[in-house]
Amino acid sequence: MSFEFEGVGGGGVIVEAEGPESGEGIADWTTVASLGTARRQLAAAEAGGLVYAIAGDSEASSFDDAVEEYDPDTDTWSTVASLGTARRQLAAAEAGGLVYAIGGQSDANSEEDAVEEYDPDTDTWSTVAS
């Protein structure tokens, strides 16, 4: 399953999910529940069948530490533990069931080199490199 996040809006971010291919070999896109925290320049990763929307740039703050977890079975987003460092323009990846938030920008003039690791089983972030 693929996800696309579209911009900042007062009611959240429009999120579309790409499901299995249709009979003509073309994947179908469906609008799913919006994020609770409207933002852009976020990162996303999938772990254990759940999608994590990480940090970004919100209307309320130029740099956000919010993290939300999407469950495609229930079409719902839940707030999970916040990132230790608020940032935007970061990367995210999954390895071994853990989610990693990598680099980004932590203020208007500063590049962030920290790497944080999220454990979904304990709902905790820890710094693993900087």
N, C-alpha and C. Protein backbone atom coordinates (compact mmCIF):
# COMPACT_ATOMS: atom_id res chain seq x y z
N MET A 1 0.84 -1.17 0.00
CA MET A 1 0.00 0.00 0.00
C MET A 1 0.89 1.24 0.00
N SER A 2 0.56 2.23 -0.80
CA SER A 2 1.30 3.49 -0.88
C SER A 2 0.42 4.60 -0.32
N PHE A 3 1.07 5.64 0.20
CA PHE A 3 0.33 6.78 0.74
C PHE A 3 0.86 8.07 0.14
N GLU A 4 -0.04 9.04 -0.04
CA GLU A 4 0.32 10.36 -0.53
C GLU A 4 -0.29 11.38 0.41
N PHE A 5 0.53 12.33 0.87
CA PHE A 5 0.08 13.38 1.78
C PHE A 5 0.02 14.68 0.99
N GLU A 6 -1.10 15.41 1.07
CA GLU A 6 -1.29 16.61 0.27
C GLU A 6 -1.47 17.85 1.13
N GLY A 7 -0.38 18.60 1.35
CA GLY A 7 -0.40 19.95 1.92
C GLY A 7 -1.02 20.13 3.28
N VAL A 8 -1.05 21.40 3.69
CA VAL A 8 -1.58 21.79 4.98
C VAL A 8 -2.97 22.37 4.78
N GLY A 9 -3.90 21.98 5.64
CA GLY A 9 -5.23 22.53 5.60
C GLY A 9 -5.80 22.59 7.00
N GLY A 10 -6.74 23.48 7.24
CA GLY A 10 -7.29 23.68 8.56
C GLY A 10 -7.85 22.42 9.19
N GLY A 11 -8.41 21.51 8.38
CA GLY A 11 -9.01 20.30 8.92
C GLY A 11 -8.08 19.10 8.89
N GLY A 12 -6.84 19.30 8.56
CA GLY A 12 -5.92 18.18 8.50
C GLY A 12 -5.35 18.04 7.10
N VAL A 13 -4.61 17.01 6.89
CA VAL A 13 -3.97 16.75 5.62
C VAL A 13 -4.80 15.73 4.86
N ILE A 14 -5.01 15.97 3.58
CA ILE A 14 -5.70 14.99 2.76
C ILE A 14 -4.73 13.84 2.51
N VAL A 15 -5.14 12.66 2.85
CA VAL A 15 -4.29 11.49 2.69
C VAL A 15 -5.00 10.52 1.75
N GLU A 16 -4.25 10.05 0.76
CA GLU A 16 -4.80 9.07 -0.16
C GLU A 16 -3.97 7.80 -0.08
N ALA A 17 -4.64 6.67 -0.19
CA ALA A 17 -3.96 5.38 -0.14
C ALA A 17 -4.16 4.66 -1.46
N GLU A 18 -3.09 4.06 -1.94
CA GLU A 18 -3.15 3.28 -3.18
C GLU A 18 -3.29 1.82 -2.80
N GLY A 19 -4.35 1.21 -3.26
CA GLY A 19 -4.60 -0.18 -2.95
C GLY A 19 -4.12 -1.11 -4.04
N PRO A 20 -4.62 -2.34 -4.02
CA PRO A 20 -4.23 -3.32 -5.04
C PRO A 20 -4.60 -2.84 -6.43
N GLU A 21 -3.90 -3.34 -7.42
CA GLU A 21 -4.17 -2.96 -8.80
C GLU A 21 -5.53 -3.46 -9.25
N SER A 22 -6.18 -2.65 -10.07
CA SER A 22 -7.47 -3.05 -10.63
C SER A 22 -7.22 -4.04 -11.76
N GLY A 23 -8.27 -4.50 -12.38
CA GLY A 23 -8.16 -5.47 -13.46
C GLY A 23 -7.33 -5.00 -14.64
N GLU A 24 -7.21 -3.68 -14.84
CA GLU A 24 -6.44 -3.15 -15.96
C GLU A 24 -4.99 -2.86 -15.58
N GLY A 25 -4.53 -3.30 -14.40
CA GLY A 25 -3.16 -3.04 -13.99
C GLY A 25 -2.92 -1.64 -13.48
N ILE A 26 -4.00 -0.93 -13.18
CA ILE A 26 -3.89 0.43 -12.65
C ILE A 26 -4.33 0.42 -11.19
N ALA A 27 -3.49 0.96 -10.33
CA ALA A 27 -3.83 0.99 -8.90
C ALA A 27 -4.92 2.02 -8.65
N ASP A 28 -5.79 1.72 -7.72
CA ASP A 28 -6.86 2.64 -7.33
C ASP A 28 -6.44 3.44 -6.11
N TRP A 29 -6.72 4.76 -6.14
CA TRP A 29 -6.42 5.64 -5.01
C TRP A 29 -7.72 5.95 -4.28
N THR A 30 -7.68 5.95 -2.97
CA THR A 30 -8.84 6.22 -2.13
C THR A 30 -8.46 7.24 -1.07
N THR A 31 -9.31 8.23 -0.85
CA THR A 31 -9.06 9.18 0.23
C THR A 31 -9.36 8.49 1.55
N VAL A 32 -8.43 8.59 2.50
CA VAL A 32 -8.61 7.99 3.82
C VAL A 32 -8.69 9.10 4.86
N ALA A 33 -8.82 8.74 6.11
CA ALA A 33 -8.96 9.72 7.19
C ALA A 33 -7.81 10.73 7.17
N SER A 34 -8.13 11.99 7.48
CA SER A 34 -7.12 13.04 7.52
C SER A 34 -6.31 12.96 8.80
N LEU A 35 -5.07 13.42 8.71
CA LEU A 35 -4.24 13.55 9.91
C LEU A 35 -4.91 14.50 10.89
N GLY A 36 -4.69 14.29 12.17
CA GLY A 36 -5.23 15.19 13.18
C GLY A 36 -4.47 16.50 13.23
N THR A 37 -3.18 16.47 12.91
CA THR A 37 -2.34 17.66 12.91
C THR A 37 -2.02 18.03 11.47
N ALA A 38 -2.56 19.15 11.01
CA ALA A 38 -2.30 19.60 9.65
C ALA A 38 -0.84 20.00 9.53
N ARG A 39 -0.14 19.48 8.52
CA ARG A 39 1.27 19.81 8.32
C ARG A 39 1.75 19.40 6.95
N ARG A 40 2.93 19.89 6.61
CA ARG A 40 3.59 19.56 5.35
C ARG A 40 5.05 19.29 5.66
N GLN A 41 5.82 18.90 4.67
CA GLN A 41 7.25 18.64 4.83
C GLN A 41 7.51 17.60 5.92
N LEU A 42 6.60 16.64 6.03
CA LEU A 42 6.71 15.56 7.01
C LEU A 42 7.36 14.35 6.37
N ALA A 43 7.63 13.35 7.16
CA ALA A 43 8.14 12.08 6.67
C ALA A 43 7.14 11.00 7.06
N ALA A 44 7.19 9.88 6.36
CA ALA A 44 6.30 8.77 6.69
C ALA A 44 7.04 7.45 6.50
N ALA A 45 6.67 6.48 7.32
CA ALA A 45 7.23 5.14 7.22
C ALA A 45 6.16 4.14 7.67
N GLU A 46 6.28 2.92 7.20
CA GLU A 46 5.36 1.84 7.57
C GLU A 46 6.10 0.82 8.42
N ALA A 47 5.46 0.40 9.49
CA ALA A 47 6.02 -0.66 10.34
C ALA A 47 4.87 -1.47 10.91
N GLY A 48 4.95 -2.78 10.80
CA GLY A 48 3.93 -3.65 11.36
C GLY A 48 2.54 -3.42 10.82
N GLY A 49 2.43 -2.98 9.55
CA GLY A 49 1.13 -2.76 8.95
C GLY A 49 0.51 -1.41 9.30
N LEU A 50 1.22 -0.57 10.06
CA LEU A 50 0.76 0.76 10.43
C LEU A 50 1.65 1.79 9.75
N VAL A 51 1.09 2.97 9.47
CA VAL A 51 1.84 4.05 8.83
C VAL A 51 2.07 5.15 9.86
N TYR A 52 3.29 5.67 9.90
CA TYR A 52 3.65 6.73 10.85
C TYR A 52 3.92 8.01 10.08
N ALA A 53 3.20 9.09 10.42
CA ALA A 53 3.42 10.43 9.88
C ALA A 53 4.23 11.18 10.93
N ILE A 54 5.41 11.64 10.53
CA ILE A 54 6.40 12.12 11.50
C ILE A 54 6.78 13.57 11.25
N ALA A 55 6.62 14.40 12.30
CA ALA A 55 7.09 15.79 12.34
C ALA A 55 6.55 16.59 11.17
N GLY A 56 7.31 17.58 10.70
CA GLY A 56 6.91 18.42 9.58
C GLY A 56 6.79 19.87 9.97
N ASP A 57 6.00 20.58 9.19
CA ASP A 57 5.82 22.02 9.30
C ASP A 57 4.31 22.25 9.39
N SER A 58 3.83 22.71 10.55
CA SER A 58 2.40 22.91 10.73
C SER A 58 2.05 24.39 10.64
N GLU A 59 0.76 24.66 10.56
CA GLU A 59 0.31 26.06 10.55
C GLU A 59 0.62 26.75 11.87
N ALA A 60 0.60 26.02 12.97
CA ALA A 60 0.84 26.60 14.29
C ALA A 60 2.32 26.78 14.58
N SER A 61 3.18 25.98 13.96
CA SER A 61 4.61 26.01 14.25
C SER A 61 5.39 25.68 12.99
N SER A 62 6.50 26.37 12.79
CA SER A 62 7.32 26.08 11.62
C SER A 62 7.97 24.71 11.71
N PHE A 63 8.16 24.22 12.93
CA PHE A 63 8.81 22.93 13.14
C PHE A 63 7.98 22.15 14.14
N ASP A 64 7.56 20.95 13.74
CA ASP A 64 6.64 20.17 14.56
C ASP A 64 7.31 18.88 15.01
N ASP A 65 6.91 18.40 16.20
CA ASP A 65 7.42 17.12 16.70
C ASP A 65 6.32 16.07 16.77
N ALA A 66 5.14 16.39 16.24
CA ALA A 66 3.99 15.48 16.30
C ALA A 66 4.24 14.22 15.49
N VAL A 67 3.75 13.09 16.02
CA VAL A 67 3.81 11.81 15.31
C VAL A 67 2.44 11.16 15.44
N GLU A 68 1.91 10.70 14.30
CA GLU A 68 0.63 10.02 14.30
C GLU A 68 0.77 8.67 13.61
N GLU A 69 -0.04 7.73 14.07
CA GLU A 69 -0.02 6.35 13.58
C GLU A 69 -1.35 6.07 12.89
N TYR A 70 -1.28 5.57 11.65
CA TYR A 70 -2.48 5.25 10.89
C TYR A 70 -2.69 3.74 10.83
N ASP A 71 -3.92 3.33 11.16
CA ASP A 71 -4.30 1.92 11.08
C ASP A 71 -5.24 1.75 9.88
N PRO A 72 -4.76 1.14 8.79
CA PRO A 72 -5.62 1.00 7.62
C PRO A 72 -6.84 0.10 7.84
N ASP A 73 -6.79 -0.77 8.83
CA ASP A 73 -7.94 -1.65 9.11
C ASP A 73 -9.11 -0.88 9.68
N THR A 74 -8.84 0.19 10.44
CA THR A 74 -9.91 0.98 11.05
C THR A 74 -10.04 2.38 10.44
N ASP A 75 -9.12 2.74 9.51
CA ASP A 75 -9.09 4.06 8.88
C ASP A 75 -9.05 5.16 9.93
N THR A 76 -8.15 5.00 10.91
CA THR A 76 -8.03 6.00 11.97
C THR A 76 -6.56 6.35 12.21
N TRP A 77 -6.35 7.61 12.62
CA TRP A 77 -5.04 8.09 13.04
C TRP A 77 -5.06 8.23 14.56
N SER A 78 -3.98 7.88 15.22
CA SER A 78 -3.83 8.04 16.66
C SER A 78 -2.53 8.78 16.94
N THR A 79 -2.54 9.64 17.93
CA THR A 79 -1.32 10.33 18.32
C THR A 79 -0.47 9.38 19.14
N VAL A 80 0.82 9.32 18.82
CA VAL A 80 1.77 8.52 19.58
C VAL A 80 2.84 9.46 20.12
N ALA A 81 3.84 8.92 20.78
CA ALA A 81 4.89 9.74 21.41
C ALA A 81 5.50 10.71 20.40
N SER A 82 5.74 11.94 20.86
CA SER A 82 6.34 12.97 20.01
C SER A 82 7.82 12.71 19.80
N LEU A 83 8.30 13.19 18.69
CA LEU A 83 9.73 13.13 18.36
C LEU A 83 10.50 13.98 19.37
N GLY A 84 11.71 13.62 19.69
CA GLY A 84 12.52 14.39 20.63
C GLY A 84 12.95 15.74 20.09
N THR A 85 13.13 15.84 18.77
CA THR A 85 13.56 17.08 18.13
C THR A 85 12.53 17.46 17.07
N ALA A 86 11.89 18.63 17.26
CA ALA A 86 10.94 19.13 16.26
C ALA A 86 11.73 19.46 14.99
N ARG A 87 11.21 19.03 13.84
CA ARG A 87 11.90 19.29 12.57
C ARG A 87 10.99 19.07 11.38
N ARG A 88 11.47 19.52 10.25
CA ARG A 88 10.77 19.33 8.97
C ARG A 88 11.79 18.88 7.94
N GLN A 89 11.31 18.51 6.77
CA GLN A 89 12.17 18.07 5.66
C GLN A 89 13.11 16.92 6.08
N LEU A 90 12.59 16.01 6.86
CA LEU A 90 13.37 14.87 7.33
C LEU A 90 13.06 13.65 6.49
N ALA A 91 13.77 12.58 6.74
CA ALA A 91 13.51 11.29 6.10
C ALA A 91 13.07 10.31 7.18
N ALA A 92 12.37 9.27 6.77
CA ALA A 92 11.96 8.22 7.70
C ALA A 92 12.13 6.87 7.03
N ALA A 93 12.41 5.86 7.85
CA ALA A 93 12.58 4.50 7.34
C ALA A 93 12.23 3.52 8.44
N GLU A 94 11.96 2.28 8.03
CA GLU A 94 11.70 1.19 8.97
C GLU A 94 12.79 0.14 8.81
N ALA A 95 13.24 -0.40 9.93
CA ALA A 95 14.18 -1.52 9.92
C ALA A 95 13.94 -2.34 11.18
N GLY A 96 13.74 -3.63 11.01
CA GLY A 96 13.55 -4.51 12.15
C GLY A 96 12.36 -4.17 13.01
N GLY A 97 11.31 -3.61 12.41
CA GLY A 97 10.11 -3.26 13.17
C GLY A 97 10.19 -1.93 13.90
N LEU A 98 11.32 -1.23 13.79
CA LEU A 98 11.50 0.09 14.40
C LEU A 98 11.43 1.16 13.32
N VAL A 99 11.02 2.36 13.70
CA VAL A 99 10.90 3.48 12.77
C VAL A 99 12.02 4.47 13.08
N TYR A 100 12.66 4.99 12.04
CA TYR A 100 13.76 5.93 12.20
C TYR A 100 13.40 7.27 11.58
N ALA A 101 13.64 8.36 12.33
CA ALA A 101 13.51 9.73 11.84
C ALA A 101 14.93 10.24 11.65
N ILE A 102 15.24 10.69 10.43
CA ILE A 102 16.62 10.96 10.06
C ILE A 102 16.77 12.39 9.54
N GLY A 103 17.68 13.14 10.17
CA GLY A 103 18.05 14.46 9.68
C GLY A 103 16.90 15.44 9.64
N GLY A 104 16.96 16.35 8.66
CA GLY A 104 15.94 17.37 8.49
C GLY A 104 16.45 18.75 8.84
N GLN A 105 15.51 19.62 9.11
CA GLN A 105 15.82 21.01 9.44
C GLN A 105 15.14 21.32 10.76
N SER A 106 15.92 21.78 11.76
CA SER A 106 15.36 22.03 13.09
C SER A 106 15.08 23.50 13.36
N ASP A 107 15.55 24.38 12.54
CA ASP A 107 15.13 25.78 12.54
C ASP A 107 15.48 26.36 11.18
N ALA A 108 15.10 27.60 10.95
CA ALA A 108 15.23 28.17 9.61
C ALA A 108 16.65 28.15 9.06
N ASN A 109 17.66 28.13 9.91
CA ASN A 109 19.04 28.19 9.45
C ASN A 109 19.89 27.01 9.87
N SER A 110 19.27 25.94 10.32
CA SER A 110 20.04 24.84 10.89
C SER A 110 19.59 23.48 10.36
N GLU A 111 20.56 22.74 9.82
CA GLU A 111 20.29 21.37 9.40
C GLU A 111 20.43 20.46 10.61
N GLU A 112 19.57 19.50 10.73
CA GLU A 112 19.56 18.57 11.87
C GLU A 112 20.20 17.26 11.44
N ASP A 113 21.16 16.77 12.23
CA ASP A 113 21.80 15.50 11.87
C ASP A 113 21.42 14.36 12.81
N ALA A 114 20.50 14.60 13.73
CA ALA A 114 20.10 13.56 14.68
C ALA A 114 19.31 12.45 13.99
N VAL A 115 19.48 11.23 14.50
CA VAL A 115 18.67 10.09 14.09
C VAL A 115 17.97 9.58 15.34
N GLU A 116 16.65 9.51 15.28
CA GLU A 116 15.87 9.00 16.40
C GLU A 116 15.17 7.72 15.99
N GLU A 117 15.03 6.81 16.95
CA GLU A 117 14.44 5.49 16.72
C GLU A 117 13.17 5.37 17.55
N TYR A 118 12.08 4.94 16.88
CA TYR A 118 10.79 4.76 17.55
C TYR A 118 10.50 3.28 17.68
N ASP A 119 10.14 2.86 18.89
CA ASP A 119 9.74 1.48 19.15
C ASP A 119 8.22 1.46 19.34
N PRO A 120 7.46 0.95 18.37
CA PRO A 120 6.00 0.93 18.48
C PRO A 120 5.50 0.12 19.68
N ASP A 121 6.26 -0.88 20.11
CA ASP A 121 5.82 -1.70 21.24
C ASP A 121 5.83 -0.94 22.56
N THR A 122 6.76 0.01 22.70
CA THR A 122 6.86 0.78 23.95
C THR A 122 6.42 2.23 23.79
N ASP A 123 6.09 2.64 22.56
CA ASP A 123 5.69 4.02 22.24
C ASP A 123 6.73 5.00 22.76
N THR A 124 8.01 4.74 22.42
CA THR A 124 9.09 5.63 22.86
C THR A 124 10.06 5.92 21.71
N TRP A 125 10.61 7.13 21.71
CA TRP A 125 11.66 7.55 20.81
C TRP A 125 12.97 7.62 21.60
N SER A 126 14.06 7.25 20.97
CA SER A 126 15.38 7.44 21.59
C SER A 126 16.35 7.89 20.50
N THR A 127 17.31 8.71 20.91
CA THR A 127 18.34 9.20 19.98
C THR A 127 19.37 8.10 19.79
N VAL A 128 19.66 7.77 18.52
CA VAL A 128 20.63 6.71 18.25
C VAL A 128 21.89 7.24 17.59
N ALA A 129 21.83 8.45 17.01
CA ALA A 129 23.01 9.06 16.38
C ALA A 129 22.75 10.54 16.20
N SER A 130 23.84 11.30 16.14
CA SER A 130 23.73 12.72 15.82
C SER A 130 25.04 13.21 15.28
